[in-house]
Amino acid sequence: MSGLRSKPYYIVPVLAAAIAFLLLAYPAPTLEAAVRGVSIWWDILFPALFPFFLISEMMLGFGLVHFFGALLDPMMRPLFRVPGIGGFVMAMGFASGYPVGARLTAQLWEQKLVNREEGERLVAFTTTSDPVFLIGAVSVGFFHNAKLAVLLAAAHYGSAILVGLIMRFHGPNKPDSHAGDKSSGSIFVRALREMHNARLKDGRPFGTMLRQAVESSLRMIFVIGGLVVFFSAIMEVLRHSHALDLFYASVQSIFQSLTIPPVLSDSLVNGFFEVTLGAKAAGEAGTQIPLMFKTILASFVLAWGGLSVHGQIVSLLHTTNIRYTPFLTARLLHGLLASVLTVVLWKGLQPAAAPAFLPAAAPDFSPAAFHWTWPIPMTLIGFVLLLGVMGLAALLHSIWGKLGRAGR
C-alpha cells in the first residue's frame, strides 16, 4: 500500500524533467515567450494589480475593510453564506480582476475573519476578469466590436454571482467565523465601531504599515510575474514540440459532435492554459465562424481563467487551509454558466457585426495602446460604485428588517 501511495509523487519529478528537456530542446522559442511574458507582466499586470494589493493592505490596517464588512453583513450572509467583509472582496475582485479576490481572501483567513469553507466560497465567485480586459482587450482588441462588451460582461459577472449562490451550499453549517458587533443601534454606527476596534487592534504606525504593505504587495506581484513567464514559456515549447496535437484532435472531435466549428478548438486548448491566448484565438477565428459560437468560447475561457491564473491562485492560498478542488469545480461551473448565459442573453444583447474595414492585426498591449482606458482609474470607479450599491442594498435590507420586526 505504501508503494501505491508513493507512485503519484513520482509524477511531478517526471513532468519537471520533461519540461526541462523541452526548454533545452527549444531555447529560442523559450526565450522569446519568456520575454513576452515579462512584457505582459511589466506593462500590464504590475501597474494594474500592484496599486490594488497596496490599497487592500492599507484598508485592512486602517479597519476600513471591517467597516464595509459590518455594513454588508445583512446582505452577504443570507445570499452567499460569507461574512459581510466578503462584500469588499467581491467589489475588489470584480473591479480589478484575478487574482485580487484570492489575495484578499488569504488575508482575511490569516486574520481569522473567515474559516476554510467561507474562504472557499469567497474565492469561488470573486475570481473574475476585470472590466478593462473585457472591454479593451477582448471586445475591442480581439473581436473588434465594442458592443460585445455588454454581453460578455453580463454573462461573466452574472454567472459569477450565480456561482456564489450555488456555492453557498458548499460545506457544512458552522458557527459564524466573525459575527461582528451585534449590539442594537444603527448599522452605520456599528460599522464605525468595528472599524475603530480593528484599527486599535492593529496598532501599527502609518510608516510601518505602509512599508509592510509595499513589501507584501511586491512579493505577491513578483510571484505572479514568475508564473506568467513560466506558463508563457511552457505553452510555447508545447506548441513547438506538437505535444498538444492529441489534445487538439480530441477537442475537435467533441466540437464536431456538438456541431461547433472545429477551428474553435484552438480557443479552448489555448484558453485551458492561458486566458489571453484563448480569448484571442476565439476573436480571430475567422469571419466565416458565427459570432455567437466565438462569443460562447470566449465566455467560457474568461470564466475558466487558464492554468496560469489557477497557478496564481494556488500560490496565494498556499499559506492557508483553503483547498484547490472547490475552486477548480467553481471555475468549471462558472465557465458552463457563462456559456449558457451567453446563449440566453444573445437575442436581447446581440451586438451588431463588426465593420468590415477594421484591421485584423494583432492588438497592441503596450501602455501606449491603453492610454485612453488605463485600468487604474476605471477599476477604482467601478469598485467605488459597486461597493456603494452593495452598501445601499445592505442598508435598505437592515431598515426593512427593523420595520418588519416593529410591525410584529
Foldseek 3Di string as FASTA:
>chain_A
DVVVVCVVVVVVVVVVVVLVVLCVVCVVLLVVLLVVLLQCLVFAVCVLPLVVLLVLLVCLLLLVLLLQQLLLQLPCCVQQVATSSLLLLLLLLALRAPPSSLLNLLVCVVVQQAAQLNSLLSNLLSHFGHLCCLQVCQQCQQQVHNLCSVLLSCLQNVLSSVLSNVSSPPDDDDPRSDPADPDDDASNVSSVVSSVVSNVVSPDDPVVSSVVSSVVSVVLSVVLSVLSSVLSSSVSSCVVVVVCVVVLVVQLVVCVVVVAHSLLSQLVVVLQAALSRNSNSLSLSDPVHDNLSSSLSNSLSRLLGHVSSLVSSCVSCVVDPHDSVSNNVSSNSSSVSSSVSSVVCCVVSPGDRRDPPDDNDRDDSGVVSCVVPRSPVRSVVSSVVSSVVSSVVSSVSVVVVVVVVVVD
